[in-house]
Protein backbone atom coordinates (compact mmCIF):
# COMPACT_ATOMS: atom_id res chain seq x y z
CA MET A 1 18.06 -4.97 79.33
CA GLN A 2 14.41 -6.55 79.81
CA THR A 3 11.98 -5.05 82.49
CA LEU A 4 8.35 -6.84 83.31
CA GLU A 5 5.16 -4.61 82.37
CA ARG A 6 1.70 -5.40 82.89
CA LEU A 7 -0.51 -5.37 80.46
CA GLY A 8 -4.70 -5.70 80.32
CA GLU A 9 -4.60 -9.10 77.80
CA PRO A 10 -4.35 -12.27 79.51
CA GLU A 11 -1.13 -13.51 79.38
CA PRO A 12 0.93 -16.56 81.28
CA ALA A 13 2.96 -14.85 83.19
CA PRO A 14 7.18 -15.29 83.33
CA ALA A 15 9.02 -17.76 85.30
CA GLY A 16 9.97 -15.15 88.04
CA ALA A 17 6.90 -12.75 87.97
CA PRO A 18 4.84 -11.75 91.13
CA GLU A 19 1.45 -13.50 91.68
CA GLY A 20 -1.44 -12.66 91.81
CA GLY A 21 -4.01 -10.86 89.47
CA ASP A 22 -2.00 -8.76 87.18
CA VAL A 23 -0.40 -9.91 83.90
CA TYR A 24 2.97 -9.62 82.79
CA ILE A 25 5.01 -9.79 79.82
CA VAL A 26 8.70 -8.80 79.45
CA ALA A 27 9.11 -5.79 77.68
CA SER A 28 12.23 -4.52 76.10
CA GLY A 29 14.38 -1.61 78.11
CA TRP A 30 14.56 0.06 74.89
CA ARG A 31 10.66 0.31 74.60
CA LEU A 32 10.82 1.49 77.91
CA ALA A 33 12.66 4.34 77.36
CA LEU A 34 11.04 5.43 74.02
CA ARG A 35 7.77 5.13 75.52
CA GLU A 36 9.28 7.18 78.33
CA PHE A 37 10.77 9.77 76.36
CA ALA A 38 7.36 10.23 73.96
CA ASP A 39 5.27 11.09 77.42
CA ASN A 40 7.76 14.04 77.59
CA ARG A 41 5.91 16.68 75.91
CA LEU A 42 9.01 19.26 76.07
CA ALA A 43 10.97 17.28 74.89
CA LEU A 44 8.97 16.21 72.00
CA ALA A 45 8.61 19.78 70.99
CA ALA A 46 12.49 19.75 71.52
CA ALA A 47 12.97 17.35 69.36
CA LEU A 48 10.34 18.77 66.43
CA VAL A 49 12.50 22.09 66.58
CA ILE A 50 15.62 20.12 65.58
CA VAL A 51 13.80 18.16 62.24
CA PHE A 52 12.60 21.92 61.86
CA PHE A 53 15.88 23.40 61.53
CA VAL A 54 17.50 20.09 59.66
CA ALA A 55 14.61 20.49 57.28
CA PHE A 56 15.11 24.77 56.83
CA SER A 57 18.90 24.06 56.61
CA PHE A 58 18.96 21.21 54.16
CA LEU A 59 15.50 21.43 52.35
CA GLY A 60 15.45 24.95 52.44
CA PRO A 61 17.79 25.82 49.95
CA VAL A 62 16.22 23.83 47.51
CA VAL A 63 12.42 25.82 48.18
CA TYR A 64 13.99 29.22 48.45
CA HIS A 65 17.00 29.85 45.53
CA SER A 66 18.71 33.42 46.81
CA ASN A 67 21.79 35.05 46.41
CA THR A 68 24.39 33.97 49.20
CA THR A 69 27.77 33.72 47.26
CA PHE A 70 28.39 37.01 45.21
CA ALA A 71 28.61 40.59 47.15
CA ASN A 72 26.16 42.93 45.86
CA PRO A 73 27.53 46.06 47.14
CA LEU A 74 24.02 48.28 45.86
CA ALA A 75 21.91 45.84 47.72
CA ALA A 76 23.84 46.02 50.66
CA ASN A 77 21.53 46.11 54.79
CA LEU A 78 18.31 46.37 52.62
CA PRO A 79 15.42 45.96 55.00
CA PRO A 80 12.81 42.86 54.98
CA GLY A 81 10.64 42.49 51.88
CA GLY A 82 11.09 43.30 48.09
CA GLY A 83 11.64 39.62 47.40
CA HIS A 84 14.23 39.57 49.99
CA PRO A 85 11.99 38.21 53.29
CA LEU A 86 14.90 38.94 55.92
CA GLY A 87 16.04 41.81 54.03
CA THR A 88 20.20 41.77 53.46
CA ASP A 89 23.44 42.23 55.01
CA GLU A 90 25.93 44.43 54.99
CA ASN A 91 27.42 42.73 51.52
CA GLY A 92 24.08 42.21 49.66
CA TYR A 93 23.80 38.82 50.62
CA ASP A 94 19.97 37.14 51.19
CA GLU A 95 20.06 37.20 55.27
CA LEU A 96 17.10 34.47 55.37
CA GLY A 97 19.69 32.22 52.50
CA ARG A 98 22.83 32.97 54.32
CA MET A 99 20.79 31.32 57.87
CA MET A 100 19.81 28.52 55.93
CA ALA A 101 23.42 28.03 54.53
CA GLY A 102 24.52 28.96 58.44
CA GLY A 103 22.47 26.59 59.62
CA GLN A 104 23.83 23.73 57.57
CA THR A 105 27.30 24.39 58.35
CA ALA A 106 26.13 24.32 61.91
CA LEU A 107 24.48 21.47 62.08
CA GLU A 108 27.07 19.37 59.96
CA ILE A 109 29.51 20.60 62.29
CA GLY A 110 27.64 19.77 65.29
CA PHE A 111 26.97 16.11 64.60
CA LEU A 112 30.73 15.46 62.51
CA ALA A 113 32.44 16.81 65.89
CA ALA A 114 30.15 15.16 67.92
CA ALA A 115 30.56 11.48 66.60
CA LEU A 116 33.96 11.86 66.16
CA ALA A 117 34.31 13.20 69.64
CA THR A 118 32.00 10.21 71.11
CA VAL A 119 33.96 7.39 69.54
CA VAL A 120 37.14 8.24 70.55
CA GLY A 121 35.97 9.04 73.93
CA THR A 122 33.89 6.23 74.05
CA LEU A 123 36.88 3.94 73.20
CA TRP A 124 39.45 5.67 75.13
CA GLY A 125 37.41 5.71 78.54
CA ALA A 126 36.38 1.94 77.88
CA ILE A 127 39.58 0.70 77.64
CA ALA A 128 40.75 2.43 80.52
CA GLY A 129 38.09 1.25 82.92
CA LEU A 130 38.78 -2.31 81.79
CA LEU A 131 42.34 -2.21 81.90
CA GLY A 132 42.83 -0.55 85.30
CA GLY A 133 45.80 0.08 87.10
CA LEU A 134 48.71 1.61 86.07
CA ILE A 135 46.87 2.51 82.10
CA ASP A 136 44.34 3.66 83.68
CA GLY A 137 45.98 6.06 85.97
CA ALA A 138 47.99 7.16 82.87
CA MET A 139 45.04 7.45 80.62
CA MET A 140 43.43 9.16 82.96
CA ARG A 141 46.01 11.64 83.95
CA PHE A 142 46.63 12.30 80.33
CA VAL A 143 42.70 13.58 80.71
CA ASP A 144 43.01 15.60 83.47
CA ILE A 145 45.95 17.65 81.66
CA LEU A 146 44.04 18.09 78.48
CA LEU A 147 41.28 19.25 80.31
CA SER A 148 43.23 21.58 82.49
CA ILE A 149 43.88 24.19 79.55
CA PRO A 150 41.15 26.00 78.16
CA TYR A 151 39.19 24.11 75.28
CA LEU A 152 38.63 27.30 73.45
CA LEU A 153 41.66 28.23 73.19
CA ILE A 154 42.97 24.90 72.14
CA VAL A 155 40.72 25.57 69.38
CA LEU A 156 41.13 28.86 68.39
CA VAL A 157 45.00 28.06 67.92
CA PHE A 158 44.47 25.34 65.85
CA ALA A 159 41.59 26.94 64.50
CA THR A 160 44.10 29.88 63.39
CA LYS A 161 46.96 27.60 61.99
CA TYR A 162 45.26 25.18 59.61
CA HIS A 163 42.20 26.71 56.62
CA SER A 164 38.66 26.70 57.99
CA THR A 165 36.51 24.31 55.93
CA VAL A 166 33.59 22.12 57.30
CA LEU A 167 35.83 19.23 57.72
CA ASN A 168 38.92 20.99 59.25
CA LEU A 169 36.69 22.46 62.14
CA SER A 170 34.71 19.36 62.75
CA LEU A 171 38.51 17.95 63.20
CA ILE A 172 39.82 20.35 65.36
CA ILE A 173 37.05 20.53 67.46
CA GLY A 174 35.88 17.09 68.18
CA LEU A 175 39.20 15.66 68.58
CA PHE A 176 39.45 18.41 71.77
CA ALA A 177 35.80 17.58 72.83
CA TRP A 178 36.10 14.03 73.77
CA LEU A 179 37.76 14.28 76.92
CA VAL A 180 34.38 14.19 79.00
CA PRO A 181 32.95 11.53 76.97
CA ALA A 182 36.07 9.51 78.18
CA ARG A 183 35.54 10.40 82.21
CA LEU A 184 31.94 9.42 81.59
CA VAL A 185 32.08 6.02 80.12
CA ARG A 186 35.28 4.87 82.24
CA GLY A 187 33.34 5.92 85.08
CA GLU A 188 30.59 3.38 83.71
CA VAL A 189 33.41 0.54 82.53
CA LEU A 190 34.19 0.27 86.33
CA THR A 191 31.03 -0.45 87.23
CA LEU A 192 30.05 -2.74 84.31
CA ARG A 193 33.37 -4.93 84.20
CA GLU A 194 32.41 -6.11 87.74
CA ARG A 195 29.37 -7.61 86.40
CA ASP A 196 28.61 -11.50 86.07
CA PHE A 197 28.44 -11.39 82.29
CA VAL A 198 32.21 -9.84 82.05
CA HIS A 199 33.51 -12.77 84.36
CA ALA A 200 31.78 -15.21 81.89
CA ALA A 201 33.06 -13.27 78.83
CA ARG A 202 36.28 -13.93 80.51
CA VAL A 203 35.59 -17.51 81.67
CA MET A 204 34.52 -18.40 77.90
CA GLY A 205 37.98 -17.30 76.51
CA ALA A 206 37.04 -13.59 75.36
CA GLY A 207 39.99 -11.00 74.52
CA ARG A 208 39.42 -7.45 76.12
CA SER A 209 39.22 -6.01 72.64
CA ARG A 210 36.08 -8.71 72.56
CA ILE A 211 34.57 -7.66 75.55
CA VAL A 212 34.91 -3.48 75.05
CA VAL A 213 33.52 -3.82 71.53
CA ARG A 214 30.96 -7.03 72.54
CA HIS A 215 29.82 -6.28 75.77
CA LEU A 216 31.19 -3.24 78.01
CA ILE A 217 30.36 -0.08 75.33
CA PRO A 218 27.15 -2.03 73.55
CA ASN A 219 25.72 -1.89 78.24
CA ALA A 220 27.27 1.89 78.11
CA LEU A 221 25.06 2.93 75.22
CA SER A 222 22.71 4.99 77.43
CA VAL A 223 25.37 7.37 78.76
CA VAL A 224 26.84 7.38 74.93
CA ILE A 225 23.77 8.26 73.37
CA VAL A 226 22.83 11.23 76.32
CA ASN A 227 25.90 12.68 75.71
CA ILE A 228 26.44 12.97 71.75
CA THR A 229 23.61 15.25 72.59
CA PHE A 230 25.06 17.58 74.31
CA GLN A 231 28.00 17.02 72.31
CA VAL A 232 26.34 18.33 69.58
CA ALA A 233 25.17 21.35 71.37
CA ASP A 234 28.30 22.44 72.47
CA ALA A 235 29.94 21.77 69.09
CA ILE A 236 27.72 24.81 67.87
CA LEU A 237 28.74 26.94 70.58
CA VAL A 238 32.22 26.64 69.63
CA LEU A 239 31.34 27.29 66.10
CA ALA A 240 29.46 30.49 67.11
CA TYR A 241 32.34 31.27 69.35
CA LEU A 242 35.20 30.97 66.50
CA GLY A 243 32.59 32.73 64.10
CA PHE A 244 32.11 35.47 66.52
CA LEU A 245 35.30 36.29 67.14
CA GLY A 246 36.48 36.32 63.36
CA PHE A 247 38.07 32.75 63.01
CA GLY A 248 35.35 30.63 61.32
CA LEU A 249 34.74 30.13 57.74
CA ALA A 250 35.90 32.75 55.40
CA PRO A 251 33.41 33.91 52.74
CA PRO A 252 30.94 33.08 51.11
CA ALA A 253 30.68 30.14 53.21
CA ALA A 254 28.37 31.04 56.34
CA SER A 255 27.69 30.03 60.00
CA TRP A 256 25.46 31.37 62.29
CA GLY A 257 28.45 32.53 64.13
CA ASP A 258 29.87 34.31 61.45
CA MET A 259 26.89 36.11 60.71
CA LEU A 260 26.49 37.25 64.34
CA GLY A 261 30.28 38.29 64.53
CA ASN A 262 29.45 40.89 61.09
CA ALA A 263 26.45 42.04 62.53
CA GLN A 264 27.89 43.26 65.82
CA GLN A 265 28.41 46.70 64.61
CA TYR A 266 25.12 47.41 63.60
CA VAL A 267 23.63 45.89 66.66
CA ASP A 268 22.82 50.27 67.61
CA SER A 269 22.05 50.55 64.00
CA GLY A 270 18.45 49.84 63.82
CA TYR A 271 19.40 46.79 61.38
CA TRP A 272 18.05 44.15 63.90
CA TRP A 273 17.45 41.66 61.09
CA LEU A 274 20.64 40.68 60.97
CA VAL A 275 21.41 39.73 64.79
CA TYR A 276 17.72 38.71 66.42
CA PRO A 277 16.66 35.82 63.66
CA VAL A 278 19.94 34.31 63.38
CA GLY A 279 20.57 35.04 66.97
CA ALA A 280 17.39 32.92 67.95
CA CYS A 281 18.05 29.79 65.58
CA LEU A 282 21.42 29.56 67.72
CA VAL A 283 19.87 29.80 70.69
CA LEU A 284 16.64 27.52 69.82
CA VAL A 285 19.29 24.31 68.01
CA VAL A 286 21.44 24.31 71.29
CA LEU A 287 18.27 24.94 73.77
CA ALA A 288 16.10 22.16 71.78
CA SER A 289 19.82 19.95 71.92
CA ASN A 290 20.46 20.20 75.48
CA VAL A 291 16.49 19.29 76.39
CA VAL A 292 16.56 16.38 74.25
CA GLY A 293 20.06 15.23 76.52
CA ASP A 294 17.75 15.76 79.31
CA ALA A 295 15.38 13.39 78.43
CA LEU A 296 17.28 11.14 77.24
CA ARG A 297 19.18 10.57 80.55
CA ASP A 298 15.64 10.43 82.50
CA ALA A 299 14.09 8.01 79.98
CA LEU A 300 17.30 5.75 79.60
CA ASP A 301 18.43 6.15 83.45
CA VAL A 302 15.78 3.58 85.47
CA ARG A 303 15.93 5.28 88.31
CA LEU A 304 15.22 8.10 87.14
CA ARG A 305 11.77 6.96 85.17
CA ARG A 306 7.97 7.82 86.58
CA ARG A 307 7.53 4.07 86.23
């Protein structure tokens, strides 16, 4: 996608540019989208929050060494201080170290599940939209049937059946989160398949697989990119639900949902360090992902740009 952008430097106007004293050059649509995103201060702040938590979760344990694997009942529920900036939990684990480990789990599962859901949903929606007719109807009715089943219920059933690991939970969440991306991409492809460049590809002998991979999916990337951010937030929330309900990772592995689930019995006991810091981390990451997703949607959709 290319857009005419006015600049102050004198350059020859390309063919088809408006006549007059203004000077125009051909600017990439992706560059304009990046500039639009950069002008959104709230989106930049949200992106910095995500970067901070990535560094906190993956680089933090390299700098801050603590006990997050061996239970120590003698050091259970210690308040902040004395070598434990955020105290310890009911097992004697260092709370700050567990928050870092839980952040690793949340981000790993969030990104892996989002990537899997996006790939499956994009391919499903692109194929259904391109083929159309009975095949499209059958594929999308299958999606509708799965959407009618409570998503969390399906994940809970599989989480209880299989041993909970980062890979298993990523697969379980991702394989049941592709339905919304499939519908979004299918709607985009239904519009794109009538464009001239798709008809030209057919005339030149391109097969359906080539049209999907080389033409339809690249032109639907804006929808896909925006959806990834929401998928990450949704996967982190689902992981938190599982952990809070007791179906998360087994100790000594940590996740923010497990930590909140274990701490709920101490909410009225004055042990605030077991609840509020990890709860704030979960809220900030999910909120930042949603804000970035909204900003990307506004930046990539030319109808919503301010200029």
